């Protein structure tokens, strides 16, 4: 009897996405379900995702700094699993000042999306309200601005 072993999936891309309600780590594994992803650690300092039966190109073994976004994720590191030669780890370091909401892992075809909700997203104002406040502040910042007088077409005639 012959045993067929599928080749490991190749991680194609690992990227960070920032949104109003959550920050996301998006991992393109390029397969239709041959890899197995498991969260092996999640606490107030960070979380580690293990992707079994996967390989990582050298250019994707890196750390992405997400601290400038001021959300729950401080950095995202991807590397070959030191304990398992056929696996990849994605490690997320969380920002100080927890506790943080529990992350959620979603698989869609060949993409894994690891979602980290922002704290207090229920209190975020709708975009229209936020824009109105900004416009009002701009007007208040320039109180000495004189209104422009326009001449009517009738008064401009001799």
N, C-alpha and C. Protein backbone atom coordinates (compact mmCIF):
# COMPACT_ATOMS: atom_id res chain seq x y z
N UNK A 1 0.84 -1.19 0.00
CA UNK A 1 0.00 0.00 0.00
C UNK A 1 0.88 1.25 0.00
N UNK A 2 0.42 2.22 -0.72
CA UNK A 2 1.14 3.49 -0.82
C UNK A 2 0.43 4.54 -0.01
N UNK A 3 1.21 5.38 0.62
CA UNK A 3 0.65 6.45 1.43
C UNK A 3 0.92 7.77 0.73
N UNK A 4 -0.11 8.52 0.45
CA UNK A 4 0.05 9.82 -0.18
C UNK A 4 0.14 10.90 0.89
N UNK A 5 1.19 11.68 0.82
CA UNK A 5 1.37 12.76 1.78
C UNK A 5 1.33 14.07 0.99
N UNK A 6 0.43 14.92 1.38
CA UNK A 6 0.29 16.20 0.69
C UNK A 6 1.48 17.09 1.02
N UNK A 7 1.93 17.83 0.04
CA UNK A 7 3.01 18.78 0.26
C UNK A 7 2.51 19.89 1.19
N UNK A 8 3.39 20.44 1.99
CA UNK A 8 2.94 21.51 2.89
C UNK A 8 2.49 22.74 2.11
N UNK A 9 1.51 23.39 2.63
CA UNK A 9 1.04 24.63 2.01
C UNK A 9 2.11 25.70 2.22
N UNK A 10 2.22 26.60 1.28
CA UNK A 10 3.21 27.67 1.38
C UNK A 10 2.50 28.96 1.80
N UNK A 11 2.95 29.55 2.89
CA UNK A 11 2.39 30.83 3.31
C UNK A 11 2.80 31.87 2.28
N UNK A 12 1.83 32.51 1.66
CA UNK A 12 2.10 33.47 0.58
C UNK A 12 2.28 34.89 1.08
N UNK A 13 1.53 35.25 2.13
CA UNK A 13 1.59 36.62 2.62
C UNK A 13 1.08 36.68 4.05
N UNK A 14 1.67 37.59 4.83
CA UNK A 14 1.19 37.89 6.18
C UNK A 14 1.14 39.40 6.26
N UNK A 15 -0.06 39.94 6.52
CA UNK A 15 -0.19 41.39 6.58
C UNK A 15 -1.05 41.81 7.76
N UNK A 16 -0.95 43.09 8.07
CA UNK A 16 -1.67 43.69 9.18
C UNK A 16 -2.69 44.66 8.61
N UNK A 17 -3.90 44.65 9.17
CA UNK A 17 -4.95 45.58 8.74
C UNK A 17 -5.57 46.24 9.96
N UNK A 18 -5.73 47.54 9.87
CA UNK A 18 -6.30 48.31 10.97
C UNK A 18 -7.69 48.78 10.55
N UNK A 19 -8.65 48.66 11.46
CA UNK A 19 -10.01 49.08 11.19
C UNK A 19 -10.54 49.78 12.43
N UNK A 20 -11.69 50.40 12.32
CA UNK A 20 -12.26 51.15 13.44
C UNK A 20 -12.63 50.23 14.61
N UNK A 21 -13.10 49.02 14.32
CA UNK A 21 -13.57 48.13 15.38
C UNK A 21 -12.56 47.07 15.80
N UNK A 22 -11.55 46.78 14.95
CA UNK A 22 -10.59 45.73 15.27
C UNK A 22 -9.33 45.87 14.44
N UNK A 23 -8.28 45.21 14.91
CA UNK A 23 -7.06 45.07 14.12
C UNK A 23 -6.97 43.61 13.72
N UNK A 24 -6.46 43.36 12.50
CA UNK A 24 -6.46 42.00 11.97
C UNK A 24 -5.09 41.62 11.44
N UNK A 25 -4.76 40.33 11.63
CA UNK A 25 -3.59 39.74 11.02
C UNK A 25 -4.16 38.80 9.95
N UNK A 26 -3.80 39.06 8.68
CA UNK A 26 -4.35 38.29 7.57
C UNK A 26 -3.23 37.43 7.00
N UNK A 27 -3.44 36.12 6.99
CA UNK A 27 -2.43 35.16 6.56
C UNK A 27 -2.97 34.42 5.34
N UNK A 28 -2.29 34.57 4.22
CA UNK A 28 -2.68 33.89 2.98
C UNK A 28 -1.90 32.59 2.91
N UNK A 29 -2.58 31.46 3.14
CA UNK A 29 -1.93 30.15 3.09
C UNK A 29 -2.10 29.47 1.75
N UNK A 30 -2.94 30.00 0.90
CA UNK A 30 -3.06 29.54 -0.47
C UNK A 30 -3.65 28.17 -0.69
N UNK A 31 -4.11 27.49 0.32
CA UNK A 31 -4.72 26.17 0.11
C UNK A 31 -6.20 26.24 0.43
N UNK A 32 -6.87 25.15 0.20
CA UNK A 32 -8.32 25.09 0.44
C UNK A 32 -8.67 24.33 1.71
N UNK A 33 -7.76 24.30 2.66
CA UNK A 33 -8.08 23.66 3.92
C UNK A 33 -7.11 22.57 4.33
N UNK A 34 -5.97 22.44 3.67
CA UNK A 34 -5.00 21.40 4.03
C UNK A 34 -4.19 21.72 5.27
N UNK A 35 -4.14 22.98 5.66
CA UNK A 35 -3.39 23.35 6.85
C UNK A 35 -4.31 23.38 8.07
N UNK A 36 -3.68 23.18 9.20
CA UNK A 36 -4.43 23.21 10.46
C UNK A 36 -3.87 24.34 11.30
N UNK A 37 -4.72 25.29 11.68
CA UNK A 37 -4.29 26.43 12.49
C UNK A 37 -4.86 26.31 13.89
N UNK A 38 -3.97 26.48 14.88
CA UNK A 38 -4.36 26.35 16.28
C UNK A 38 -3.75 27.47 17.10
N UNK A 39 -4.55 28.12 17.93
CA UNK A 39 -4.02 29.12 18.86
C UNK A 39 -3.44 28.34 20.03
N UNK A 40 -2.10 28.42 20.20
CA UNK A 40 -1.47 27.63 21.26
C UNK A 40 -1.25 28.44 22.54
N UNK A 41 -1.35 29.77 22.44
CA UNK A 41 -1.26 30.60 23.64
C UNK A 41 -1.98 31.91 23.39
N UNK A 42 -2.75 32.36 24.38
CA UNK A 42 -3.41 33.67 24.33
C UNK A 42 -3.55 34.18 25.75
N UNK A 43 -2.85 35.28 26.04
CA UNK A 43 -2.95 35.90 27.37
C UNK A 43 -2.87 37.42 27.21
N UNK A 44 -2.68 38.16 28.31
CA UNK A 44 -2.67 39.63 28.25
C UNK A 44 -1.42 40.18 27.57
N UNK A 45 -0.37 39.38 27.43
CA UNK A 45 0.87 39.85 26.80
C UNK A 45 0.91 39.58 25.31
N UNK A 46 0.23 38.50 24.87
CA UNK A 46 0.27 38.17 23.46
C UNK A 46 -0.45 36.87 23.14
N UNK A 47 -0.34 36.47 21.88
CA UNK A 47 -0.98 35.24 21.41
C UNK A 47 -0.09 34.61 20.35
N UNK A 48 -0.14 33.27 20.28
CA UNK A 48 0.67 32.53 19.31
C UNK A 48 -0.23 31.59 18.54
N UNK A 49 -0.14 31.66 17.20
CA UNK A 49 -0.89 30.80 16.30
C UNK A 49 0.08 29.85 15.62
N UNK A 50 -0.23 28.56 15.64
CA UNK A 50 0.61 27.55 14.99
C UNK A 50 -0.14 27.06 13.75
N UNK A 51 0.53 27.14 12.60
CA UNK A 51 -0.05 26.65 11.35
C UNK A 51 0.71 25.39 10.96
N UNK A 52 0.06 24.23 11.12
CA UNK A 52 0.69 22.95 10.83
C UNK A 52 0.66 22.69 9.32
N UNK A 53 1.58 21.87 8.86
CA UNK A 53 1.70 21.49 7.44
C UNK A 53 1.81 22.72 6.55
N UNK A 54 2.73 23.62 6.92
CA UNK A 54 2.94 24.84 6.15
C UNK A 54 4.42 25.21 6.14
N UNK A 55 4.83 25.92 5.10
CA UNK A 55 6.20 26.42 5.02
C UNK A 55 6.17 27.93 4.85
N UNK A 56 7.24 28.57 5.25
CA UNK A 56 7.31 30.02 5.23
C UNK A 56 8.53 30.47 4.42
N UNK A 57 8.33 31.28 3.38
CA UNK A 57 9.48 31.81 2.64
C UNK A 57 10.33 32.70 3.56
N UNK A 58 11.63 32.78 3.29
CA UNK A 58 12.52 33.57 4.14
C UNK A 58 12.11 35.04 4.21
N UNK A 59 11.61 35.59 3.09
CA UNK A 59 11.24 37.01 3.09
C UNK A 59 10.05 37.31 4.01
N UNK A 60 9.26 36.29 4.38
CA UNK A 60 8.12 36.51 5.28
C UNK A 60 8.46 36.22 6.75
N UNK A 61 9.66 35.75 7.02
CA UNK A 61 10.12 35.56 8.40
C UNK A 61 10.55 36.94 8.89
N UNK A 62 9.64 37.64 9.57
CA UNK A 62 9.88 39.03 9.93
C UNK A 62 8.98 39.46 11.07
N UNK A 63 9.19 40.70 11.52
CA UNK A 63 8.33 41.30 12.54
C UNK A 63 7.77 42.59 11.98
N UNK A 64 6.45 42.72 12.04
CA UNK A 64 5.76 43.93 11.60
C UNK A 64 5.43 44.78 12.83
N UNK A 65 5.83 46.04 12.82
CA UNK A 65 5.57 46.94 13.94
C UNK A 65 4.23 47.63 13.71
N UNK A 66 3.28 47.39 14.61
CA UNK A 66 1.95 47.98 14.48
C UNK A 66 1.65 48.96 15.61
N UNK A 67 2.67 49.34 16.36
CA UNK A 67 2.45 50.20 17.53
C UNK A 67 1.94 51.59 17.16
N UNK A 68 2.24 52.08 15.96
CA UNK A 68 1.80 53.42 15.55
C UNK A 68 0.28 53.51 15.41
N UNK A 69 -0.41 52.39 15.28
CA UNK A 69 -1.86 52.40 15.12
C UNK A 69 -2.60 52.53 16.45
N UNK A 70 -1.88 52.43 17.58
CA UNK A 70 -2.45 52.62 18.92
C UNK A 70 -3.65 51.71 19.18
N UNK A 71 -3.58 50.48 18.72
CA UNK A 71 -4.64 49.50 18.95
C UNK A 71 -4.14 48.39 19.85
N UNK A 72 -4.83 47.28 19.87
CA UNK A 72 -4.44 46.17 20.74
C UNK A 72 -3.15 45.47 20.31
N UNK A 73 -2.78 45.53 19.03
CA UNK A 73 -1.59 44.82 18.54
C UNK A 73 -0.38 45.76 18.53
N UNK A 74 0.71 45.31 19.17
CA UNK A 74 1.96 46.06 19.16
C UNK A 74 2.86 45.61 18.01
N UNK A 75 2.95 44.28 17.80
CA UNK A 75 3.76 43.75 16.70
C UNK A 75 3.28 42.36 16.31
N UNK A 76 3.65 41.96 15.06
CA UNK A 76 3.31 40.64 14.53
C UNK A 76 4.59 40.01 14.02
N UNK A 77 4.95 38.85 14.57
CA UNK A 77 6.16 38.14 14.14
C UNK A 77 5.78 36.82 13.50
N UNK A 78 6.41 36.51 12.37
CA UNK A 78 6.19 35.21 11.71
C UNK A 78 7.53 34.53 11.57
N UNK A 79 7.55 33.21 11.85
CA UNK A 79 8.79 32.45 11.77
C UNK A 79 8.48 30.97 11.69
N UNK A 80 9.48 30.19 11.23
CA UNK A 80 9.33 28.74 11.19
C UNK A 80 9.31 28.23 12.63
N UNK A 81 8.43 27.29 12.91
CA UNK A 81 8.29 26.75 14.26
C UNK A 81 9.57 26.01 14.66
N UNK A 82 10.23 26.43 15.75
CA UNK A 82 11.46 25.76 16.15
C UNK A 82 11.25 24.33 16.67
N UNK A 83 10.03 24.01 17.11
CA UNK A 83 9.73 22.68 17.65
C UNK A 83 9.19 21.71 16.61
N UNK A 84 8.69 22.23 15.48
CA UNK A 84 8.08 21.41 14.45
C UNK A 84 8.52 21.93 13.08
N UNK A 85 9.35 21.14 12.38
CA UNK A 85 9.93 21.59 11.11
C UNK A 85 8.88 21.86 10.04
N UNK A 86 7.73 21.27 10.10
CA UNK A 86 6.70 21.45 9.08
C UNK A 86 5.60 22.40 9.51
N UNK A 87 5.93 23.38 10.34
CA UNK A 87 4.91 24.30 10.84
C UNK A 87 5.45 25.73 10.88
N UNK A 88 4.51 26.68 10.92
CA UNK A 88 4.82 28.10 10.98
C UNK A 88 4.13 28.68 12.21
N UNK A 89 4.79 29.63 12.85
CA UNK A 89 4.17 30.32 13.98
C UNK A 89 3.98 31.80 13.65
N UNK A 90 2.85 32.32 14.09
CA UNK A 90 2.55 33.74 14.00
C UNK A 90 2.34 34.21 15.43
N UNK A 91 3.20 35.12 15.86
CA UNK A 91 3.15 35.57 17.25
C UNK A 91 2.76 37.05 17.28
N UNK A 92 1.73 37.35 18.04
CA UNK A 92 1.23 38.72 18.18
C UNK A 92 1.55 39.20 19.58
N UNK A 93 2.31 40.30 19.67
CA UNK A 93 2.57 40.95 20.96
C UNK A 93 1.51 42.02 21.15
N UNK A 94 0.84 41.98 22.29
CA UNK A 94 -0.25 42.92 22.55
C UNK A 94 0.27 44.17 23.25
N UNK A 95 -0.41 45.27 23.03
CA UNK A 95 -0.05 46.55 23.64
C UNK A 95 -0.25 46.48 25.14
N UNK A 96 0.53 47.27 25.86
CA UNK A 96 0.38 47.33 27.31
C UNK A 96 -0.95 47.98 27.65
N UNK A 97 -1.45 47.71 28.83
CA UNK A 97 -2.68 48.34 29.28
C UNK A 97 -3.90 47.47 29.10
N UNK A 98 -3.72 46.13 29.02
CA UNK A 98 -4.85 45.21 28.88
C UNK A 98 -5.85 45.43 29.98
N UNK A 99 -6.82 44.63 30.20
CA UNK A 99 -7.06 43.37 29.51
C UNK A 99 -7.60 43.59 28.10
N UNK A 100 -7.31 42.62 27.25
CA UNK A 100 -7.73 42.70 25.86
C UNK A 100 -8.85 41.68 25.60
N UNK A 101 -9.69 42.01 24.64
CA UNK A 101 -10.77 41.09 24.26
C UNK A 101 -10.15 39.84 23.61
N UNK A 102 -10.84 38.73 23.72
CA UNK A 102 -10.36 37.47 23.16
C UNK A 102 -10.29 37.55 21.64
N UNK A 103 -9.14 37.20 21.04
CA UNK A 103 -9.05 37.23 19.57
C UNK A 103 -9.91 36.14 18.93
N UNK A 104 -10.27 36.36 17.67
CA UNK A 104 -11.13 35.42 16.94
C UNK A 104 -10.42 35.02 15.65
N UNK A 105 -10.34 33.72 15.39
CA UNK A 105 -9.69 33.21 14.19
C UNK A 105 -10.75 32.73 13.21
N UNK A 106 -10.69 33.25 11.97
CA UNK A 106 -11.68 32.91 10.94
C UNK A 106 -10.93 32.38 9.71
N UNK A 107 -11.41 31.26 9.17
CA UNK A 107 -10.82 30.70 7.95
C UNK A 107 -11.80 30.91 6.81
N UNK A 108 -11.28 31.44 5.69
CA UNK A 108 -12.09 31.65 4.50
C UNK A 108 -11.26 31.21 3.30
N UNK A 109 -11.58 30.04 2.75
CA UNK A 109 -10.83 29.44 1.63
C UNK A 109 -9.36 29.34 2.02
N UNK A 110 -8.47 30.04 1.34
CA UNK A 110 -7.04 29.96 1.63
C UNK A 110 -6.52 31.09 2.50
N UNK A 111 -7.40 31.76 3.23
CA UNK A 111 -7.00 32.89 4.06
C UNK A 111 -7.42 32.67 5.52
N UNK A 112 -6.48 32.94 6.41
CA UNK A 112 -6.77 32.94 7.85
C UNK A 112 -6.79 34.39 8.30
N UNK A 113 -7.85 34.79 8.98
CA UNK A 113 -7.95 36.15 9.51
C UNK A 113 -8.04 36.05 11.03
N UNK A 114 -7.05 36.64 11.69
CA UNK A 114 -6.99 36.62 13.15
C UNK A 114 -7.37 38.02 13.61
N UNK A 115 -8.54 38.14 14.24
CA UNK A 115 -9.12 39.43 14.57
C UNK A 115 -8.95 39.75 16.06
N UNK A 116 -8.43 40.94 16.33
CA UNK A 116 -8.23 41.42 17.70
C UNK A 116 -9.09 42.66 17.90
N UNK A 117 -10.25 42.53 18.58
CA UNK A 117 -11.17 43.67 18.76
C UNK A 117 -10.53 44.79 19.57
N UNK A 118 -10.86 46.01 19.19
CA UNK A 118 -10.41 47.18 19.95
C UNK A 118 -11.24 47.29 21.23
N UNK A 119 -10.67 47.83 22.26
CA UNK A 119 -11.39 48.04 23.52
C UNK A 119 -12.36 49.20 23.35
N UNK A 120 -13.56 49.07 23.85
CA UNK A 120 -14.53 50.16 23.83
C UNK A 120 -15.08 50.51 22.46
N UNK A 121 -15.20 49.53 21.57
CA UNK A 121 -15.70 49.85 20.23
C UNK A 121 -17.17 50.24 20.24
N UNK A 122 -17.87 49.95 21.30
CA UNK A 122 -19.29 50.30 21.36
C UNK A 122 -19.49 51.81 21.49
N UNK A 123 -18.47 52.51 22.01
CA UNK A 123 -18.58 53.94 22.24
C UNK A 123 -18.11 54.78 21.06
N UNK A 124 -17.78 54.18 19.96
CA UNK A 124 -17.29 54.92 18.80
C UNK A 124 -18.47 55.61 18.11
N UNK A 125 -18.32 56.90 17.86
CA UNK A 125 -19.38 57.66 17.20
C UNK A 125 -19.46 57.29 15.73
N UNK A 126 -20.64 57.35 15.15
CA UNK A 126 -20.76 57.08 13.72
C UNK A 126 -19.92 58.09 12.93
N UNK A 127 -19.45 57.71 11.75
CA UNK A 127 -18.59 58.60 10.96
C UNK A 127 -19.19 59.98 10.69
N UNK A 128 -20.52 60.10 10.45
CA UNK A 128 -21.11 61.40 10.16
C UNK A 128 -20.98 62.35 11.34
N UNK A 129 -21.18 61.84 12.54
CA UNK A 129 -21.06 62.68 13.73
C UNK A 129 -19.61 63.12 13.89
N UNK A 130 -18.67 62.22 13.69
CA UNK A 130 -17.26 62.56 13.83
C UNK A 130 -16.86 63.64 12.83
N UNK A 131 -17.33 63.57 11.60
CA UNK A 131 -17.00 64.58 10.58
C UNK A 131 -17.59 65.94 10.96
N UNK A 132 -18.80 65.96 11.49
CA UNK A 132 -19.45 67.21 11.88
C UNK A 132 -18.63 67.91 12.96
N UNK A 133 -18.15 67.16 13.92
CA UNK A 133 -17.36 67.74 15.00
C UNK A 133 -16.07 68.33 14.44
N UNK A 134 -15.42 67.65 13.51
CA UNK A 134 -14.18 68.15 12.92
C UNK A 134 -14.43 69.47 12.18
N UNK A 135 -15.50 69.56 11.43
CA UNK A 135 -15.79 70.79 10.69
C UNK A 135 -16.02 71.96 11.65
N UNK A 136 -16.73 71.72 12.72
CA UNK A 136 -17.00 72.75 13.70
C UNK A 136 -15.70 73.23 14.32
N UNK A 137 -14.79 72.33 14.60
CA UNK A 137 -13.51 72.71 15.20
C UNK A 137 -12.69 73.56 14.23
N UNK A 138 -12.74 73.26 12.96
CA UNK A 138 -12.00 74.05 11.97
C UNK A 138 -12.51 75.48 11.97
N UNK A 139 -13.83 75.66 12.03
CA UNK A 139 -14.40 77.00 12.04
C UNK A 139 -14.00 77.76 13.30
N UNK A 140 -14.00 77.07 14.44
CA UNK A 140 -13.63 77.71 15.70
C UNK A 140 -12.16 78.07 15.72
N UNK A 141 -11.34 77.35 15.00
CA UNK A 141 -9.91 77.61 15.00
C UNK A 141 -9.57 78.89 14.24
N UNK A 142 -10.45 79.36 13.36
CA UNK A 142 -10.20 80.57 12.56
C UNK A 142 -11.28 81.62 12.81
N UNK A 143 -11.33 82.20 14.00
CA UNK A 143 -12.42 83.15 14.30
C UNK A 143 -12.26 84.49 13.59
N UNK A 144 -11.07 84.89 13.18
CA UNK A 144 -10.85 86.20 12.56
C UNK A 144 -11.10 86.20 11.06
N UNK A 145 -11.51 85.11 10.54
CA UNK A 145 -11.75 85.02 9.11
C UNK A 145 -13.02 85.80 8.76
N UNK A 146 -12.89 86.73 7.82
CA UNK A 146 -14.03 87.56 7.43
C UNK A 146 -14.82 86.85 6.35
N UNK A 147 -16.12 87.02 6.35
CA UNK A 147 -16.93 86.43 5.29
C UNK A 147 -16.66 87.16 3.96
N UNK A 148 -16.73 86.44 2.89
CA UNK A 148 -16.49 87.00 1.57
C UNK A 148 -17.79 87.63 1.08
N UNK A 149 -17.73 88.90 0.65
CA UNK A 149 -18.91 89.57 0.13
C UNK A 149 -18.93 89.40 -1.38
N UNK A 150 -20.03 88.98 -1.85
CA UNK A 150 -20.18 88.81 -3.29
C UNK A 150 -21.17 89.86 -3.80
N UNK A 151 -20.84 90.40 -4.91
CA UNK A 151 -21.74 91.37 -5.49
C UNK A 151 -22.79 90.67 -6.32
N UNK A 152 -23.96 91.12 -6.21
CA UNK A 152 -25.02 90.54 -7.02
C UNK A 152 -24.87 91.06 -8.44
N UNK A 153 -25.32 90.32 -9.43
CA UNK A 153 -25.20 90.75 -10.83
C UNK A 153 -25.94 92.06 -11.09
N UNK A 154 -26.98 92.38 -10.34
CA UNK A 154 -27.76 93.60 -10.56
C UNK A 154 -26.98 94.80 -10.09
N UNK A 155 -26.33 94.75 -8.93
CA UNK A 155 -25.59 95.91 -8.39
C UNK A 155 -24.30 96.16 -9.16
N UNK A 156 -23.82 95.21 -9.91
CA UNK A 156 -22.57 95.39 -10.66
C UNK A 156 -22.81 96.19 -11.95
N UNK A 157 -24.02 96.37 -12.39
CA UNK A 157 -24.32 97.13 -13.60
C UNK A 157 -24.25 98.64 -13.33
N UNK A 158 -23.80 99.42 -14.31
CA UNK A 158 -23.74 100.88 -14.12
C UNK A 158 -25.08 101.56 -14.16
